[in-house]
Amino acid sequence: MLGISERRVRLYIEMKRLPAVRAADVLMIPLEKVKTFERKIVGRPRKNVLSWRISSLENTQFMTFISVQIHLHREKQLAQRLEEIRHSGQHVFPGTVVRYIVRSKTIPGQVEIMLIWRNTVMPNEVEREQALDVFRQSLADVLDWDTAQYNHGEVMMHT
């Protein structure tokens, strides 16, 4: 439920950030405390802005953008399904270095999906399409894939 490892949960209990009661060999945490728990930001804040870079030919990145509409009144189901995907570890798209699913603020009811592949580990087109097809099938009842728009490109410059 928290999206963290059991070890991290135990650490938070030891640090008194999460209350727990031991019953036999089981640590029990009140459900309300789990629901309201907020993790702190990890890592150090960035002190400088990253410079632009142009990848070498051996390390080129490719992007797949997908714009797709959410089926009417299915926003809540989409959020639940994305949470299930996150918890199950499904749809990692082998070879991707970045994956984003974004709710558009500009176009109501639209989702933007961005996948970034590095050519050194990018699967062939058939494997990529198979992974996308399984992903589309798993979200077919909440996203309108018939009207989806696809854009593929080569990254020219990045940070």
C-alpha atoms as a PDB file:
ATOM      1  CA  MET A   1       0.000   0.000   0.000  1.00  0.00           C
ATOM      2  CA  LEU A   2       2.860   2.379   0.718  1.00  0.00           C
ATOM      3  CA  GLY A   3       4.866   1.403  -2.359  1.00  0.00           C
ATOM      4  CA  ILE A   4       7.994   0.736  -0.306  1.00  0.00           C
ATOM      5  CA  SER A   5       9.857  -2.358   0.797  1.00  0.00           C
ATOM      6  CA  GLU A   6       9.090  -4.299   3.964  1.00  0.00           C
ATOM      7  CA  ARG A   7      12.549  -3.336   5.219  1.00  0.00           C
ATOM      8  CA  ARG A   8      11.745   0.374   4.756  1.00  0.00           C
ATOM      9  CA  VAL A   9       8.437  -0.085   6.629  1.00  0.00           C
ATOM     10  CA  ARG A  10      10.322  -1.657   9.541  1.00  0.00           C
ATOM     11  CA  LEU A  11      12.782   1.235   9.489  1.00  0.00           C
ATOM     12  CA  TYR A  12       9.912   3.772   9.632  1.00  0.00           C
ATOM     13  CA  ILE A  13       8.442   1.848  12.571  1.00  0.00           C
ATOM     14  CA  GLU A  14      11.818   1.923  14.378  1.00  0.00           C
ATOM     15  CA  MET A  15      12.109   5.670  13.659  1.00  0.00           C
ATOM     16  CA  LYS A  16       8.583   6.147  15.130  1.00  0.00           C
ATOM     17  CA  ARG A  17       7.329   7.573  11.820  1.00  0.00           C
ATOM     18  CA  LEU A  18       4.795   4.747  11.577  1.00  0.00           C
ATOM     19  CA  PRO A  19       2.998   3.444  14.676  1.00  0.00           C
ATOM     20  CA  ALA A  20       2.812  -0.330  14.995  1.00  0.00           C
ATOM     21  CA  VAL A  21       1.671  -2.946  17.464  1.00  0.00           C
ATOM     22  CA  ARG A  22       3.188  -6.409  17.603  1.00  0.00           C
ATOM     23  CA  ALA A  23       0.796  -9.358  17.781  1.00  0.00           C
ATOM     24  CA  ALA A  24       2.767 -12.605  17.972  1.00  0.00           C
ATOM     25  CA  ASP A  25       5.174 -12.369  15.006  1.00  0.00           C
ATOM     26  CA  VAL A  26       3.152  -9.776  13.106  1.00  0.00           C
ATOM     27  CA  LEU A  27       3.530  -5.999  13.127  1.00  0.00           C
ATOM     28  CA  MET A  28       0.164  -4.293  12.704  1.00  0.00           C
ATOM     29  CA  ILE A  29      -0.162  -0.696  11.535  1.00  0.00           C
ATOM     30  CA  PRO A  30      -3.526   1.101  11.751  1.00  0.00           C
ATOM     31  CA  LEU A  31      -5.017   1.412   8.266  1.00  0.00           C
ATOM     32  CA  GLU A  32      -5.735   5.124   8.753  1.00  0.00           C
ATOM     33  CA  LYS A  33      -2.023   5.741   9.538  1.00  0.00           C
ATOM     34  CA  VAL A  34      -1.025   3.879   6.371  1.00  0.00           C
ATOM     35  CA  LYS A  35      -3.471   5.940   4.281  1.00  0.00           C
ATOM     36  CA  THR A  36      -2.248   9.272   5.692  1.00  0.00           C
ATOM     37  CA  PHE A  37       1.475   8.425   5.731  1.00  0.00           C
ATOM     38  CA  GLU A  38       3.645  10.808   3.715  1.00  0.00           C
ATOM     39  CA  ARG A  39       7.157   9.905   2.691  1.00  0.00           C
ATOM     40  CA  LYS A  40       9.796  12.594   2.917  1.00  0.00           C
ATOM     41  CA  ILE A  41      11.668  13.716  -0.161  1.00  0.00           C
ATOM     42  CA  VAL A  42      14.761  11.566  -0.616  1.00  0.00           C
ATOM     43  CA  GLY A  43      18.133  12.685  -1.868  1.00  0.00           C
ATOM     44  CA  ARG A  44      19.727  16.083  -2.013  1.00  0.00           C
ATOM     45  CA  PRO A  45      18.111  18.974  -3.827  1.00  0.00           C
ATOM     46  CA  ARG A  46      19.787  19.732  -7.152  1.00  0.00           C
ATOM     47  CA  LYS A  47      22.105  22.740  -6.846  1.00  0.00           C
ATOM     48  CA  ASN A  48      22.775  23.318 -10.511  1.00  0.00           C
ATOM     49  CA  VAL A  49      20.821  23.030 -13.718  1.00  0.00           C
ATOM     50  CA  LEU A  50      21.836  20.207 -16.021  1.00  0.00           C
ATOM     51  CA  SER A  51      23.483  21.238 -19.282  1.00  0.00           C
ATOM     52  CA  TRP A  52      22.159  20.265 -22.677  1.00  0.00           C
ATOM     53  CA  ARG A  53      23.845  17.216 -24.226  1.00  0.00           C
ATOM     54  CA  ILE A  54      23.890  15.593 -27.605  1.00  0.00           C
ATOM     55  CA  SER A  55      24.195  11.811 -27.386  1.00  0.00           C
ATOM     56  CA  SER A  56      26.830   9.963 -29.333  1.00  0.00           C
ATOM     57  CA  LEU A  57      25.679   7.746 -32.194  1.00  0.00           C
ATOM     58  CA  GLU A  58      26.280   4.701 -29.973  1.00  0.00           C
ATOM     59  CA  ASN A  59      23.955   6.090 -27.288  1.00  0.00           C
ATOM     60  CA  THR A  60      21.078   7.596 -29.249  1.00  0.00           C
ATOM     61  CA  GLN A  61      17.697   7.802 -27.554  1.00  0.00           C
ATOM     62  CA  PHE A  62      14.348   7.253 -29.245  1.00  0.00           C
ATOM     63  CA  MET A  63      10.952   8.373 -27.990  1.00  0.00           C
ATOM     64  CA  THR A  64       7.436   7.111 -28.435  1.00  0.00           C
ATOM     65  CA  PHE A  65       4.630   9.563 -27.633  1.00  0.00           C
ATOM     66  CA  ILE A  66       1.043   8.402 -27.434  1.00  0.00           C
ATOM     67  CA  SER A  67      -1.891  10.788 -26.973  1.00  0.00           C
ATOM     68  CA  VAL A  68      -5.054   8.949 -25.952  1.00  0.00           C
ATOM     69  CA  GLN A  69      -8.464   9.925 -24.603  1.00  0.00           C
ATOM     70  CA  ILE A  70      -9.854   8.512 -21.367  1.00  0.00           C
ATOM     71  CA  HIS A  71     -13.241   6.852 -21.880  1.00  0.00           C
ATOM     72  CA  LEU A  72     -16.022   9.052 -20.508  1.00  0.00           C
ATOM     73  CA  HIS A  73     -16.361   8.853 -16.704  1.00  0.00           C
ATOM     74  CA  ARG A  74     -13.439   6.386 -16.417  1.00  0.00           C
ATOM     75  CA  GLU A  75     -10.828   8.638 -14.750  1.00  0.00           C
ATOM     76  CA  LYS A  76     -11.169   6.911 -11.385  1.00  0.00           C
ATOM     77  CA  GLN A  77     -10.884   3.441 -12.950  1.00  0.00           C
ATOM     78  CA  LEU A  78      -7.796   4.589 -14.871  1.00  0.00           C
ATOM     79  CA  ALA A  79      -6.143   5.782 -11.654  1.00  0.00           C
ATOM     80  CA  GLN A  80      -6.937   2.448  -9.989  1.00  0.00           C
ATOM     81  CA  ARG A  81      -5.598   0.490 -12.943  1.00  0.00           C
ATOM     82  CA  LEU A  82      -2.369   2.515 -13.023  1.00  0.00           C
ATOM     83  CA  GLU A  83      -1.918   1.838  -9.307  1.00  0.00           C
ATOM     84  CA  GLU A  84      -2.389  -1.899  -9.963  1.00  0.00           C
ATOM     85  CA  ILE A  85       0.177  -1.752 -12.763  1.00  0.00           C
ATOM     86  CA  ARG A  86       2.634   0.061 -10.486  1.00  0.00           C
ATOM     87  CA  HIS A  87       2.210  -2.417  -7.633  1.00  0.00           C
ATOM     88  CA  SER A  88       2.422  -5.479  -9.868  1.00  0.00           C
ATOM     89  CA  GLY A  89       5.482  -4.257 -11.775  1.00  0.00           C
ATOM     90  CA  GLN A  90       3.787  -4.873 -15.113  1.00  0.00           C
ATOM     91  CA  HIS A  91       4.397  -3.049 -18.379  1.00  0.00           C
ATOM     92  CA  VAL A  92       7.981  -1.937 -17.798  1.00  0.00           C
ATOM     93  CA  PHE A  93       8.687  -1.927 -21.540  1.00  0.00           C
ATOM     94  CA  PRO A  94      12.126  -3.611 -21.632  1.00  0.00           C
ATOM     95  CA  GLY A  95      14.841  -1.279 -22.859  1.00  0.00           C
ATOM     96  CA  THR A  96      13.144   1.924 -21.726  1.00  0.00           C
ATOM     97  CA  VAL A  97      15.114   4.375 -19.645  1.00  0.00           C
ATOM     98  CA  VAL A  98      12.117   6.610 -18.900  1.00  0.00           C
ATOM     99  CA  ARG A  99       8.351   6.002 -18.843  1.00  0.00           C
ATOM    100  CA  TYR A 100       5.737   8.689 -18.168  1.00  0.00           C
ATOM    101  CA  ILE A 101       1.955   8.621 -18.123  1.00  0.00           C
ATOM    102  CA  VAL A 102       0.658  12.183 -17.841  1.00  0.00           C
ATOM    103  CA  ARG A 103      -2.857  13.586 -17.405  1.00  0.00           C
ATOM    104  CA  SER A 104      -3.101  16.540 -19.758  1.00  0.00           C
ATOM    105  CA  LYS A 105      -3.933  19.888 -18.152  1.00  0.00           C
ATOM    106  CA  THR A 106      -4.468  21.409 -21.588  1.00  0.00           C
ATOM    107  CA  ILE A 107      -6.833  18.851 -23.112  1.00  0.00           C
ATOM    108  CA  PRO A 108      -9.418  17.531 -20.632  1.00  0.00           C
ATOM    109  CA  GLY A 109      -9.718  13.757 -20.578  1.00  0.00           C
ATOM    110  CA  GLN A 110      -6.480  13.189 -22.453  1.00  0.00           C
ATOM    111  CA  VAL A 111      -3.473  11.177 -21.347  1.00  0.00           C
ATOM    112  CA  GLU A 112       0.031  11.513 -22.781  1.00  0.00           C
ATOM    113  CA  ILE A 113       2.294   8.473 -22.618  1.00  0.00           C
ATOM    114  CA  MET A 114       6.005   8.944 -23.194  1.00  0.00           C
ATOM    115  CA  LEU A 115       8.496   6.106 -23.514  1.00  0.00           C
ATOM    116  CA  ILE A 116      12.196   6.772 -24.000  1.00  0.00           C
ATOM    117  CA  TRP A 117      14.368   3.990 -25.342  1.00  0.00           C
ATOM    118  CA  ARG A 118      18.171   3.914 -25.532  1.00  0.00           C
ATOM    119  CA  ASN A 119      19.283   2.298 -28.786  1.00  0.00           C
ATOM    120  CA  THR A 120      21.869   0.105 -27.070  1.00  0.00           C
ATOM    121  CA  VAL A 121      19.147  -1.777 -25.140  1.00  0.00           C
ATOM    122  CA  MET A 122      16.063  -1.070 -27.267  1.00  0.00           C
ATOM    123  CA  PRO A 123      14.232  -4.214 -28.413  1.00  0.00           C
ATOM    124  CA  ASN A 124      13.342  -4.573 -32.065  1.00  0.00           C
ATOM    125  CA  GLU A 125      10.148  -3.050 -33.440  1.00  0.00           C
ATOM    126  CA  VAL A 126       8.157  -6.303 -33.210  1.00  0.00           C
ATOM    127  CA  GLU A 127       8.997  -6.738 -29.499  1.00  0.00           C
ATOM    128  CA  ARG A 128       8.204  -3.081 -28.764  1.00  0.00           C
ATOM    129  CA  GLU A 129       4.868  -3.363 -30.551  1.00  0.00           C
ATOM    130  CA  GLN A 130       4.029  -6.577 -28.676  1.00  0.00           C
ATOM    131  CA  ALA A 131       4.728  -4.881 -25.331  1.00  0.00           C
ATOM    132  CA  LEU A 132       2.594  -1.896 -26.380  1.00  0.00           C
ATOM    133  CA  ASP A 133      -0.214  -4.202 -27.486  1.00  0.00           C
ATOM    134  CA  VAL A 134      -0.311  -5.979 -24.111  1.00  0.00           C
ATOM    135  CA  PHE A 135      -0.342  -2.556 -22.427  1.00  0.00           C
ATOM    136  CA  ARG A 136      -3.184  -1.347 -24.651  1.00  0.00           C
ATOM    137  CA  GLN A 137      -5.209  -4.488 -23.921  1.00  0.00           C
ATOM    138  CA  SER A 138      -4.806  -4.033 -20.172  1.00  0.00           C
ATOM    139  CA  LEU A 139      -6.216  -0.492 -20.396  1.00  0.00           C
ATOM    140  CA  ALA A 140      -8.739  -1.003 -23.213  1.00  0.00           C
ATOM    141  CA  ASP A 141     -11.763  -0.425 -20.994  1.00  0.00           C
ATOM    142  CA  VAL A 142     -10.474   2.927 -19.698  1.00  0.00           C
ATOM    143  CA  LEU A 143      -8.560   4.403 -22.671  1.00  0.00           C
ATOM    144  CA  ASP A 144      -9.866   4.928 -26.219  1.00  0.00           C
ATOM    145  CA  TRP A 145      -7.067   3.363 -28.251  1.00  0.00           C
ATOM    146  CA  ASP A 146      -9.062   3.691 -31.502  1.00  0.00           C
ATOM    147  CA  THR A 147      -8.453   7.443 -31.514  1.00  0.00           C
ATOM    148  CA  ALA A 148      -4.911   7.358 -30.092  1.00  0.00           C
ATOM    149  CA  GLN A 149      -2.224   9.314 -31.923  1.00  0.00           C
ATOM    150  CA  TYR A 150       1.341   7.992 -32.053  1.00  0.00           C
ATOM    151  CA  ASN A 151       4.539   9.896 -32.654  1.00  0.00           C
ATOM    152  CA  HIS A 152       8.006   8.358 -32.789  1.00  0.00           C
ATOM    153  CA  GLY A 153      11.210  10.343 -32.834  1.00  0.00           C
ATOM    154  CA  GLU A 154      14.935  10.463 -32.307  1.00  0.00           C
ATOM    155  CA  VAL A 155      16.186  12.636 -29.456  1.00  0.00           C
ATOM    156  CA  MET A 156      18.388  15.382 -30.853  1.00  0.00           C
ATOM    157  CA  MET A 157      19.389  17.004 -27.556  1.00  0.00           C
ATOM    158  CA  HIS A 158      18.608  16.300 -23.896  1.00  0.00           C
ATOM    159  CA  THR A 159      19.709  16.986 -20.326  1.00  0.00           C
END
